Amino acid sequence: MAVPAWVFVCPCRFVYRYEMAHTISRTFPHKSRQLRWLIAVNVIILLAGLFSPMLTLEKFIFVENTFSLVSGVWQLLREGKWLLFLILLAFSILLPVLKLIVLYQLVAPRAVRPGRYRRYLELMHEYGRWSMLDVFVVAVLIVAVKLDVLFEVQVHFGLYAFAAAVLLTMIITAQVVRLSDACLEKAGVS
């Protein structure tokens, strides 16, 4: 396999400093700027979804419990339900945040080394397998508590914000993957 054109390796195997010519931000500056703004908006929506009340459970008339995703995860930790705590923390809080960080790195205005750029793309493809799990977690949560015989469930803004953040992340990811494929094609890297 040939060394990509933007990398210069001397005979002593020292890689000289370079800038990658075919990043999303250099190849598609306007779309890159739009994606950075969408990511910023998505961070705000995700934070609102994580910290705003999602559900209110009302048992009979006297007992009412309202919780957000973060408070629900925290409650699992306090009750010692470690497995559920770790699963919800990883797939509903940490992975969406990490995905937004990686997406931003791919559309960042500064040059990214080709090895790191490829690694970010690989992370995006690996995460793609798990991207619907956070939606699944919320759906299972709703189904699990939607026991109208025992509880009355009220859905709040946090659930809608979280779902919107997940959908917007999927849209941004599709755009970034499409643009990165175009960049790699222009660079002659397959």
N, C-alpha and C. Protein backbone atom coordinates (compact mmCIF):
# COMPACT_ATOMS: atom_id res chain seq x y z
N MET A 1 0.84 -1.17 0.00
CA MET A 1 0.00 0.00 0.00
C MET A 1 0.89 1.24 0.00
N ALA A 2 0.58 2.19 -0.86
CA ALA A 2 1.37 3.41 -0.97
C ALA A 2 1.09 4.34 0.20
N VAL A 3 2.11 5.13 0.55
CA VAL A 3 1.95 6.13 1.61
C VAL A 3 1.11 7.26 1.05
N PRO A 4 0.07 7.73 1.76
CA PRO A 4 -0.75 8.84 1.26
C PRO A 4 0.10 10.06 0.98
N ALA A 5 -0.36 10.89 0.03
CA ALA A 5 0.42 12.02 -0.45
C ALA A 5 0.70 13.06 0.62
N TRP A 6 -0.10 13.16 1.63
CA TRP A 6 0.09 14.21 2.62
C TRP A 6 1.05 13.82 3.74
N VAL A 7 1.58 12.61 3.69
CA VAL A 7 2.51 12.16 4.71
C VAL A 7 3.90 12.07 4.08
N PHE A 8 4.88 12.69 4.74
CA PHE A 8 6.26 12.57 4.28
C PHE A 8 7.05 11.82 5.33
N VAL A 9 7.60 10.68 4.94
CA VAL A 9 8.39 9.87 5.85
C VAL A 9 9.82 9.83 5.29
N CYS A 10 10.76 10.28 6.10
CA CYS A 10 12.15 10.25 5.64
C CYS A 10 12.70 8.82 5.81
N PRO A 11 13.86 8.51 5.24
CA PRO A 11 14.41 7.16 5.34
C PRO A 11 14.63 6.67 6.77
N CYS A 12 14.82 7.60 7.71
CA CYS A 12 15.02 7.17 9.09
C CYS A 12 13.67 6.95 9.80
N ARG A 13 12.60 6.94 9.06
CA ARG A 13 11.24 6.67 9.53
C ARG A 13 10.69 7.76 10.46
N PHE A 14 11.20 8.97 10.37
CA PHE A 14 10.68 10.09 11.14
C PHE A 14 9.60 10.75 10.31
N VAL A 15 8.43 10.89 10.87
CA VAL A 15 7.32 11.50 10.16
C VAL A 15 7.38 13.01 10.41
N TYR A 16 7.53 13.77 9.33
CA TYR A 16 7.61 15.21 9.47
C TYR A 16 6.23 15.81 9.69
N ARG A 17 6.25 17.02 10.27
CA ARG A 17 5.00 17.72 10.52
C ARG A 17 4.33 18.05 9.18
N TYR A 18 3.03 17.90 9.12
CA TYR A 18 2.28 18.13 7.89
C TYR A 18 0.88 18.58 8.26
N GLU A 19 0.15 19.00 7.28
CA GLU A 19 -1.27 19.27 7.45
C GLU A 19 -2.01 18.43 6.43
N MET A 20 -3.09 17.86 6.85
CA MET A 20 -3.88 17.03 5.96
C MET A 20 -4.68 17.93 5.02
N ALA A 21 -4.53 17.72 3.74
CA ALA A 21 -5.17 18.58 2.76
C ALA A 21 -6.64 18.24 2.56
N HIS A 22 -7.02 17.03 2.83
CA HIS A 22 -8.37 16.58 2.52
C HIS A 22 -9.19 16.28 3.77
N THR A 23 -9.34 17.26 4.65
CA THR A 23 -10.25 17.10 5.77
C THR A 23 -11.60 17.67 5.37
N ILE A 24 -12.61 17.37 6.15
CA ILE A 24 -13.94 17.89 5.86
C ILE A 24 -13.93 19.41 5.92
N SER A 25 -13.24 19.97 6.91
CA SER A 25 -13.26 21.42 7.07
C SER A 25 -12.53 22.14 5.93
N ARG A 26 -11.53 21.51 5.33
CA ARG A 26 -10.82 22.14 4.21
C ARG A 26 -11.52 21.89 2.88
N THR A 27 -12.08 20.71 2.72
CA THR A 27 -12.72 20.37 1.46
C THR A 27 -14.12 20.98 1.35
N PHE A 28 -14.85 20.98 2.46
CA PHE A 28 -16.21 21.50 2.49
C PHE A 28 -16.34 22.50 3.65
N PRO A 29 -15.74 23.69 3.54
CA PRO A 29 -15.72 24.61 4.69
C PRO A 29 -17.11 25.07 5.13
N HIS A 30 -18.00 25.34 4.19
CA HIS A 30 -19.34 25.82 4.56
C HIS A 30 -20.13 24.72 5.27
N LYS A 31 -20.10 23.51 4.74
CA LYS A 31 -20.82 22.39 5.36
C LYS A 31 -20.21 22.04 6.71
N SER A 32 -18.90 22.16 6.81
CA SER A 32 -18.22 21.88 8.07
C SER A 32 -18.66 22.87 9.14
N ARG A 33 -18.76 24.13 8.78
CA ARG A 33 -19.21 25.15 9.74
C ARG A 33 -20.65 24.86 10.18
N GLN A 34 -21.49 24.49 9.23
CA GLN A 34 -22.88 24.15 9.57
C GLN A 34 -22.95 22.95 10.51
N LEU A 35 -22.12 21.96 10.25
CA LEU A 35 -22.10 20.78 11.11
C LEU A 35 -21.59 21.11 12.50
N ARG A 36 -20.61 21.98 12.61
CA ARG A 36 -20.13 22.39 13.94
C ARG A 36 -21.24 23.10 14.72
N TRP A 37 -22.01 23.95 14.04
CA TRP A 37 -23.14 24.61 14.70
C TRP A 37 -24.20 23.59 15.11
N LEU A 38 -24.49 22.63 14.24
CA LEU A 38 -25.46 21.59 14.59
C LEU A 38 -24.99 20.77 15.78
N ILE A 39 -23.71 20.48 15.84
CA ILE A 39 -23.16 19.73 16.98
C ILE A 39 -23.31 20.54 18.26
N ALA A 40 -23.05 21.85 18.19
CA ALA A 40 -23.21 22.70 19.37
C ALA A 40 -24.66 22.72 19.84
N VAL A 41 -25.58 22.85 18.90
CA VAL A 41 -27.01 22.82 19.25
C VAL A 41 -27.38 21.46 19.83
N ASN A 42 -26.82 20.41 19.25
CA ASN A 42 -27.11 19.06 19.71
C ASN A 42 -26.60 18.83 21.13
N VAL A 43 -25.46 19.40 21.46
CA VAL A 43 -24.94 19.29 22.83
C VAL A 43 -25.92 19.90 23.81
N ILE A 44 -26.45 21.07 23.46
CA ILE A 44 -27.43 21.74 24.33
C ILE A 44 -28.69 20.90 24.48
N ILE A 45 -29.18 20.36 23.37
CA ILE A 45 -30.39 19.52 23.43
C ILE A 45 -30.13 18.26 24.24
N LEU A 46 -28.95 17.64 24.04
CA LEU A 46 -28.62 16.42 24.79
C LEU A 46 -28.54 16.71 26.28
N LEU A 47 -27.90 17.81 26.66
CA LEU A 47 -27.82 18.15 28.08
C LEU A 47 -29.21 18.39 28.66
N ALA A 48 -30.06 19.05 27.90
CA ALA A 48 -31.44 19.26 28.35
C ALA A 48 -32.15 17.91 28.51
N GLY A 49 -31.91 17.01 27.57
CA GLY A 49 -32.53 15.69 27.65
C GLY A 49 -32.02 14.86 28.82
N LEU A 50 -30.76 15.03 29.16
CA LEU A 50 -30.19 14.26 30.25
C LEU A 50 -30.63 14.78 31.62
N PHE A 51 -30.76 16.09 31.75
CA PHE A 51 -31.01 16.67 33.07
C PHE A 51 -32.45 17.12 33.31
N SER A 52 -33.25 17.26 32.26
CA SER A 52 -34.65 17.65 32.43
C SER A 52 -35.48 16.43 32.82
N PRO A 53 -36.58 16.66 33.53
CA PRO A 53 -37.45 15.53 33.88
C PRO A 53 -37.95 14.80 32.64
N MET A 54 -37.88 13.48 32.69
CA MET A 54 -38.35 12.65 31.58
C MET A 54 -39.73 12.09 31.87
N LEU A 55 -39.86 11.52 33.03
CA LEU A 55 -41.09 10.82 33.38
C LEU A 55 -41.52 11.17 34.80
N THR A 56 -42.81 11.14 35.00
CA THR A 56 -43.38 11.21 36.34
C THR A 56 -44.22 9.96 36.52
N LEU A 57 -43.90 9.22 37.56
CA LEU A 57 -44.66 8.03 37.90
C LEU A 57 -45.54 8.37 39.09
N GLU A 58 -46.82 8.12 38.94
CA GLU A 58 -47.75 8.40 40.03
C GLU A 58 -48.42 7.10 40.43
N LYS A 59 -48.23 6.72 41.68
CA LYS A 59 -48.81 5.50 42.19
C LYS A 59 -49.95 5.89 43.13
N PHE A 60 -51.09 5.44 42.79
CA PHE A 60 -52.31 5.86 43.48
C PHE A 60 -52.40 7.38 43.38
N ILE A 61 -52.73 8.07 44.40
CA ILE A 61 -52.82 9.52 44.32
C ILE A 61 -51.72 10.15 45.16
N PHE A 62 -51.16 9.43 46.08
CA PHE A 62 -50.27 10.01 47.08
C PHE A 62 -48.79 9.97 46.72
N VAL A 63 -48.35 8.97 45.99
CA VAL A 63 -46.92 8.81 45.71
C VAL A 63 -46.63 9.24 44.28
N GLU A 64 -45.74 10.21 44.15
CA GLU A 64 -45.37 10.72 42.84
C GLU A 64 -43.85 10.81 42.76
N ASN A 65 -43.28 10.32 41.67
CA ASN A 65 -41.84 10.33 41.49
C ASN A 65 -41.52 10.85 40.10
N THR A 66 -40.82 11.98 40.01
CA THR A 66 -40.39 12.55 38.74
C THR A 66 -38.88 12.40 38.66
N PHE A 67 -38.39 11.95 37.49
CA PHE A 67 -36.95 11.78 37.36
C PHE A 67 -36.48 12.06 35.94
N SER A 68 -35.21 12.45 35.87
CA SER A 68 -34.52 12.63 34.59
C SER A 68 -33.65 11.39 34.36
N LEU A 69 -33.00 11.36 33.22
CA LEU A 69 -32.12 10.22 32.94
C LEU A 69 -30.96 10.19 33.92
N VAL A 70 -30.36 11.35 34.19
CA VAL A 70 -29.23 11.41 35.11
C VAL A 70 -29.67 11.05 36.53
N SER A 71 -30.80 11.59 36.96
CA SER A 71 -31.25 11.27 38.32
C SER A 71 -31.66 9.80 38.44
N GLY A 72 -32.20 9.24 37.36
CA GLY A 72 -32.54 7.81 37.37
C GLY A 72 -31.30 6.93 37.46
N VAL A 73 -30.28 7.30 36.71
CA VAL A 73 -29.02 6.55 36.76
C VAL A 73 -28.39 6.69 38.15
N TRP A 74 -28.43 7.89 38.70
CA TRP A 74 -27.89 8.13 40.04
C TRP A 74 -28.64 7.30 41.08
N GLN A 75 -29.95 7.20 40.93
CA GLN A 75 -30.77 6.41 41.85
C GLN A 75 -30.38 4.93 41.78
N LEU A 76 -30.11 4.44 40.58
CA LEU A 76 -29.66 3.05 40.44
C LEU A 76 -28.35 2.82 41.19
N LEU A 77 -27.44 3.79 41.10
CA LEU A 77 -26.18 3.68 41.82
C LEU A 77 -26.41 3.66 43.32
N ARG A 78 -27.27 4.55 43.82
CA ARG A 78 -27.54 4.60 45.26
C ARG A 78 -28.21 3.33 45.76
N GLU A 79 -29.01 2.69 44.91
CA GLU A 79 -29.68 1.46 45.32
C GLU A 79 -28.80 0.23 45.13
N GLY A 80 -27.60 0.40 44.60
CA GLY A 80 -26.68 -0.71 44.45
C GLY A 80 -26.95 -1.60 43.25
N LYS A 81 -27.69 -1.12 42.28
CA LYS A 81 -27.97 -1.89 41.06
C LYS A 81 -26.88 -1.55 40.04
N TRP A 82 -25.72 -2.14 40.27
CA TRP A 82 -24.52 -1.78 39.53
C TRP A 82 -24.61 -2.08 38.05
N LEU A 83 -25.14 -3.23 37.68
CA LEU A 83 -25.19 -3.60 36.26
C LEU A 83 -26.07 -2.64 35.48
N LEU A 84 -27.27 -2.37 35.98
CA LEU A 84 -28.14 -1.41 35.30
C LEU A 84 -27.53 -0.02 35.27
N PHE A 85 -26.90 0.37 36.38
CA PHE A 85 -26.23 1.66 36.44
C PHE A 85 -25.16 1.76 35.35
N LEU A 86 -24.30 0.76 35.23
CA LEU A 86 -23.23 0.80 34.25
C LEU A 86 -23.75 0.79 32.82
N ILE A 87 -24.77 -0.03 32.56
CA ILE A 87 -25.33 -0.09 31.21
C ILE A 87 -25.95 1.25 30.81
N LEU A 88 -26.77 1.81 31.68
CA LEU A 88 -27.41 3.09 31.37
C LEU A 88 -26.38 4.23 31.29
N LEU A 89 -25.42 4.23 32.19
CA LEU A 89 -24.39 5.26 32.16
C LEU A 89 -23.60 5.19 30.85
N ALA A 90 -23.19 3.99 30.49
CA ALA A 90 -22.37 3.83 29.28
C ALA A 90 -23.14 4.15 28.01
N PHE A 91 -24.32 3.57 27.84
CA PHE A 91 -25.01 3.68 26.56
C PHE A 91 -25.93 4.88 26.44
N SER A 92 -26.37 5.46 27.54
CA SER A 92 -27.29 6.58 27.44
C SER A 92 -26.64 7.92 27.77
N ILE A 93 -25.50 7.91 28.41
CA ILE A 93 -24.87 9.18 28.77
C ILE A 93 -23.49 9.29 28.13
N LEU A 94 -22.60 8.34 28.41
CA LEU A 94 -21.22 8.46 27.94
C LEU A 94 -21.06 8.31 26.43
N LEU A 95 -21.66 7.29 25.83
CA LEU A 95 -21.49 7.09 24.39
C LEU A 95 -22.06 8.22 23.55
N PRO A 96 -23.24 8.76 23.86
CA PRO A 96 -23.69 9.92 23.07
C PRO A 96 -22.76 11.13 23.19
N VAL A 97 -22.23 11.37 24.38
CA VAL A 97 -21.30 12.49 24.56
C VAL A 97 -20.01 12.23 23.80
N LEU A 98 -19.48 11.02 23.90
CA LEU A 98 -18.25 10.69 23.18
C LEU A 98 -18.45 10.76 21.67
N LYS A 99 -19.61 10.35 21.21
CA LYS A 99 -19.88 10.42 19.78
C LYS A 99 -19.88 11.86 19.30
N LEU A 100 -20.45 12.77 20.07
CA LEU A 100 -20.44 14.19 19.68
C LEU A 100 -19.01 14.74 19.67
N ILE A 101 -18.18 14.30 20.60
CA ILE A 101 -16.78 14.74 20.62
C ILE A 101 -16.06 14.26 19.37
N VAL A 102 -16.25 13.01 19.00
CA VAL A 102 -15.60 12.47 17.81
C VAL A 102 -16.13 13.16 16.56
N LEU A 103 -17.43 13.40 16.50
CA LEU A 103 -17.99 14.11 15.35
C LEU A 103 -17.38 15.50 15.22
N TYR A 104 -17.24 16.18 16.34
CA TYR A 104 -16.63 17.51 16.28
C TYR A 104 -15.18 17.42 15.80
N GLN A 105 -14.44 16.43 16.26
CA GLN A 105 -13.05 16.27 15.82
C GLN A 105 -12.96 16.07 14.31
N LEU A 106 -13.95 15.39 13.74
CA LEU A 106 -13.94 15.15 12.30
C LEU A 106 -14.24 16.39 11.49
N VAL A 107 -14.98 17.34 12.04
CA VAL A 107 -15.32 18.56 11.31
C VAL A 107 -14.60 19.79 11.86
N ALA A 108 -13.66 19.58 12.78
CA ALA A 108 -12.93 20.68 13.40
C ALA A 108 -12.15 21.46 12.34
N PRO A 109 -11.99 22.77 12.54
CA PRO A 109 -11.29 23.59 11.54
C PRO A 109 -9.78 23.34 11.48
N ARG A 110 -9.21 22.76 12.49
CA ARG A 110 -7.77 22.51 12.45
C ARG A 110 -7.51 21.15 11.78
N ALA A 111 -6.29 21.01 11.29
CA ALA A 111 -5.92 19.78 10.60
C ALA A 111 -5.79 18.64 11.60
N VAL A 112 -6.22 17.48 11.17
CA VAL A 112 -6.12 16.27 11.98
C VAL A 112 -5.17 15.33 11.26
N ARG A 113 -4.25 14.73 11.99
CA ARG A 113 -3.32 13.78 11.37
C ARG A 113 -4.12 12.66 10.70
N PRO A 114 -3.66 12.17 9.56
CA PRO A 114 -4.39 11.13 8.84
C PRO A 114 -4.66 9.88 9.68
N GLY A 115 -3.69 9.46 10.49
CA GLY A 115 -3.91 8.28 11.33
C GLY A 115 -5.02 8.49 12.33
N ARG A 116 -5.04 9.67 12.91
CA ARG A 116 -6.08 10.00 13.88
C ARG A 116 -7.42 10.17 13.17
N TYR A 117 -7.39 10.78 12.00
CA TYR A 117 -8.62 10.97 11.21
C TYR A 117 -9.24 9.62 10.88
N ARG A 118 -8.42 8.68 10.44
CA ARG A 118 -8.93 7.33 10.15
C ARG A 118 -9.46 6.66 11.42
N ARG A 119 -8.77 6.87 12.53
CA ARG A 119 -9.22 6.28 13.80
C ARG A 119 -10.57 6.84 14.20
N TYR A 120 -10.77 8.15 14.03
CA TYR A 120 -12.07 8.75 14.32
C TYR A 120 -13.16 8.15 13.43
N LEU A 121 -12.84 7.95 12.16
CA LEU A 121 -13.82 7.33 11.26
C LEU A 121 -14.14 5.90 11.68
N GLU A 122 -13.10 5.16 12.08
CA GLU A 122 -13.33 3.80 12.56
C GLU A 122 -14.21 3.80 13.82
N LEU A 123 -13.96 4.77 14.73
CA LEU A 123 -14.80 4.88 15.92
C LEU A 123 -16.26 5.15 15.55
N MET A 124 -16.46 5.99 14.54
CA MET A 124 -17.83 6.28 14.12
C MET A 124 -18.52 5.03 13.58
N HIS A 125 -17.80 4.25 12.81
CA HIS A 125 -18.39 3.02 12.27
C HIS A 125 -18.63 2.00 13.37
N GLU A 126 -17.69 1.89 14.32
CA GLU A 126 -17.89 0.97 15.45
C GLU A 126 -19.07 1.40 16.31
N TYR A 127 -19.17 2.69 16.57
CA TYR A 127 -20.28 3.19 17.39
C TYR A 127 -21.60 3.03 16.67
N GLY A 128 -21.58 3.04 15.35
CA GLY A 128 -22.81 2.90 14.57
C GLY A 128 -23.60 1.66 14.94
N ARG A 129 -22.91 0.62 15.34
CA ARG A 129 -23.61 -0.61 15.75
C ARG A 129 -24.42 -0.39 17.01
N TRP A 130 -23.97 0.53 17.85
CA TRP A 130 -24.61 0.75 19.14
C TRP A 130 -25.47 2.01 19.15
N SER A 131 -25.59 2.69 18.02
CA SER A 131 -26.21 4.01 18.02
C SER A 131 -27.69 3.99 18.39
N MET A 132 -28.38 2.92 18.14
CA MET A 132 -29.80 2.87 18.48
C MET A 132 -30.03 2.32 19.89
N LEU A 133 -28.98 1.91 20.55
CA LEU A 133 -29.17 1.33 21.87
C LEU A 133 -29.68 2.35 22.88
N ASP A 134 -29.25 3.61 22.75
CA ASP A 134 -29.76 4.61 23.69
C ASP A 134 -31.26 4.85 23.48
N VAL A 135 -31.72 4.80 22.24
CA VAL A 135 -33.16 4.90 21.97
C VAL A 135 -33.86 3.66 22.53
N PHE A 136 -33.26 2.51 22.35
CA PHE A 136 -33.83 1.27 22.86
C PHE A 136 -33.95 1.31 24.39
N VAL A 137 -32.94 1.85 25.05
CA VAL A 137 -32.97 1.94 26.51
C VAL A 137 -34.16 2.78 26.97
N VAL A 138 -34.38 3.92 26.33
CA VAL A 138 -35.51 4.76 26.71
C VAL A 138 -36.82 4.05 26.40
N ALA A 139 -36.90 3.37 25.26
CA ALA A 139 -38.13 2.64 24.92
C ALA A 139 -38.42 1.53 25.93
N VAL A 140 -37.40 0.79 26.32
CA VAL A 140 -37.59 -0.26 27.32
C VAL A 140 -38.01 0.35 28.65
N LEU A 141 -37.41 1.48 28.99
CA LEU A 141 -37.77 2.16 30.22
C LEU A 141 -39.25 2.54 30.22
N ILE A 142 -39.72 3.07 29.10
CA ILE A 142 -41.13 3.46 29.02
C ILE A 142 -42.04 2.24 29.09
N VAL A 143 -41.68 1.19 28.36
CA VAL A 143 -42.49 -0.02 28.38
C VAL A 143 -42.50 -0.64 29.78
N ALA A 144 -41.34 -0.61 30.43
CA ALA A 144 -41.25 -1.22 31.76
C ALA A 144 -42.10 -0.48 32.78
N VAL A 145 -42.18 0.81 32.66
CA VAL A 145 -42.95 1.56 33.65
C VAL A 145 -44.36 1.87 33.19
N LYS A 146 -44.70 1.49 31.99
CA LYS A 146 -46.03 1.78 31.46
C LYS A 146 -47.02 0.72 31.96
N LEU A 147 -47.06 0.58 33.25
CA LEU A 147 -47.98 -0.35 33.88
C LEU A 147 -49.14 0.47 34.43
N ASP A 148 -50.11 0.73 33.57
CA ASP A 148 -51.19 1.62 33.94
C ASP A 148 -52.01 1.12 35.12
N VAL A 149 -51.91 -0.16 35.41
CA VAL A 149 -52.64 -0.69 36.55
C VAL A 149 -52.04 -0.18 37.85
N LEU A 150 -50.72 -0.15 37.91
CA LEU A 150 -50.03 0.26 39.13
C LEU A 150 -49.61 1.73 39.12
N PHE A 151 -49.23 2.23 37.95
CA PHE A 151 -48.70 3.58 37.84
C PHE A 151 -49.43 4.36 36.77
N GLU A 152 -49.46 5.65 36.95
CA GLU A 152 -49.84 6.55 35.88
C GLU A 152 -48.55 7.23 35.45
N VAL A 153 -48.26 7.19 34.15
CA VAL A 153 -47.00 7.70 33.64
C VAL A 153 -47.26 8.98 32.86
N GLN A 154 -46.51 10.02 33.21
CA GLN A 154 -46.56 11.27 32.46
C GLN A 154 -45.19 11.50 31.83
N VAL A 155 -45.19 11.75 30.54
CA VAL A 155 -43.95 12.00 29.82
C VAL A 155 -43.69 13.50 29.82
N HIS A 156 -42.41 13.89 30.05
CA HIS A 156 -42.04 15.29 30.12
C HIS A 156 -41.04 15.66 29.03
N PHE A 157 -40.65 16.91 29.04
CA PHE A 157 -39.76 17.50 28.04
C PHE A 157 -38.44 16.74 27.88
N GLY A 158 -37.87 16.23 28.95
CA GLY A 158 -36.58 15.57 28.90
C GLY A 158 -36.54 14.39 27.94
N LEU A 159 -37.63 13.64 27.90
CA LEU A 159 -37.69 12.49 26.99
C LEU A 159 -37.67 12.95 25.54
N TYR A 160 -38.45 13.98 25.25
CA TYR A 160 -38.49 14.50 23.89
C TYR A 160 -37.15 15.12 23.49
N ALA A 161 -36.51 15.82 24.41
CA ALA A 161 -35.21 16.42 24.13
C ALA A 161 -34.15 15.35 23.88
N PHE A 162 -34.18 14.29 24.69
CA PHE A 162 -33.22 13.21 24.52
C PHE A 162 -33.43 12.52 23.17
N ALA A 163 -34.68 12.25 22.83
CA ALA A 163 -34.98 11.63 21.53
C ALA A 163 -34.56 12.53 20.38
N ALA A 164 -34.79 13.83 20.51
CA ALA A 164 -34.38 14.77 19.47
C ALA A 164 -32.86 14.80 19.33
N ALA A 165 -32.15 14.75 20.45
CA ALA A 165 -30.69 14.73 20.40
C ALA A 165 -30.17 13.48 19.72
N VAL A 166 -30.80 12.35 20.00
CA VAL A 166 -30.38 11.09 19.35
C VAL A 166 -30.63 11.17 17.84
N LEU A 167 -31.79 11.67 17.44
CA LEU A 167 -32.09 11.78 16.01
C LEU A 167 -31.16 12.77 15.32
N LEU A 168 -30.90 13.91 15.96
CA LEU A 168 -30.00 14.88 15.37
C LEU A 168 -28.57 14.33 15.27
N THR A 169 -28.16 13.55 16.25
CA THR A 169 -26.84 12.91 16.19
C THR A 169 -26.77 11.94 15.00
N MET A 170 -27.84 11.22 14.77
CA MET A 170 -27.86 10.30 13.62
C MET A 170 -27.78 11.05 12.30
N ILE A 171 -28.46 12.19 12.21
CA ILE A 171 -28.41 13.00 10.98
C ILE A 171 -27.01 13.57 10.78
N ILE A 172 -26.42 14.10 11.83
CA ILE A 172 -25.07 14.66 11.74
C ILE A 172 -24.07 13.57 11.37
N THR A 173 -24.22 12.40 11.97
CA THR A 173 -23.31 11.29 11.67
C THR A 173 -23.39 10.89 10.21
N ALA A 174 -24.59 10.81 9.67
CA ALA A 174 -24.76 10.46 8.25
C ALA A 174 -24.08 11.49 7.36
N GLN A 175 -24.21 12.78 7.70
CA GLN A 175 -23.56 13.83 6.91
C GLN A 175 -22.04 13.74 7.01
N VAL A 176 -21.52 13.53 8.21
CA VAL A 176 -20.08 13.45 8.41
C VAL A 176 -19.50 12.24 7.68
N VAL A 177 -20.17 11.11 7.74
CA VAL A 177 -19.68 9.92 7.05
C VAL A 177 -19.68 10.15 5.55
N ARG A 178 -20.75 10.76 5.03
CA ARG A 178 -20.84 11.04 3.59
C ARG A 178 -19.71 11.99 3.17
N LEU A 179 -19.50 13.06 3.92
CA LEU A 179 -18.46 14.03 3.58
C LEU A 179 -17.05 13.45 3.76
N SER A 180 -16.86 12.63 4.78
CA SER A 180 -15.53 12.04 4.98
C SER A 180 -15.22 11.03 3.87
N ASP A 181 -16.22 10.31 3.42
CA ASP A 181 -16.01 9.40 2.29
C ASP A 181 -15.61 10.20 1.04
N ALA A 182 -16.26 11.34 0.83
CA ALA A 182 -15.92 12.19 -0.31
C ALA A 182 -14.50 12.73 -0.18
N CYS A 183 -14.09 13.09 1.04
CA CYS A 183 -12.73 13.58 1.27
C CYS A 183 -11.69 12.50 1.00
N LEU A 184 -11.96 11.30 1.52
CA LEU A 184 -11.02 10.21 1.29
C LEU A 184 -10.95 9.84 -0.18
N GLU A 185 -12.07 9.93 -0.88
CA GLU A 185 -12.09 9.65 -2.32
C GLU A 185 -11.25 10.69 -3.08
N LYS A 186 -11.37 11.96 -2.70
CA LYS A 186 -10.58 13.01 -3.32
C LYS A 186 -9.10 12.82 -3.05
N ALA A 187 -8.78 12.32 -1.87
CA ALA A 187 -7.38 12.11 -1.51
C ALA A 187 -6.80 10.86 -2.15
N GLY A 188 -7.66 10.04 -2.72
CA GLY A 188 -7.19 8.81 -3.34
C GLY A 188 -6.93 7.70 -2.35
N VAL A 189 -7.54 7.79 -1.17
CA VAL A 189 -7.37 6.78 -0.13
C VAL A 189 -8.63 5.95 -0.09
N SER A 190 -8.47 4.66 -0.08
CA SER A 190 -9.66 3.79 0.00
C SER A 190 -9.72 3.05 1.29
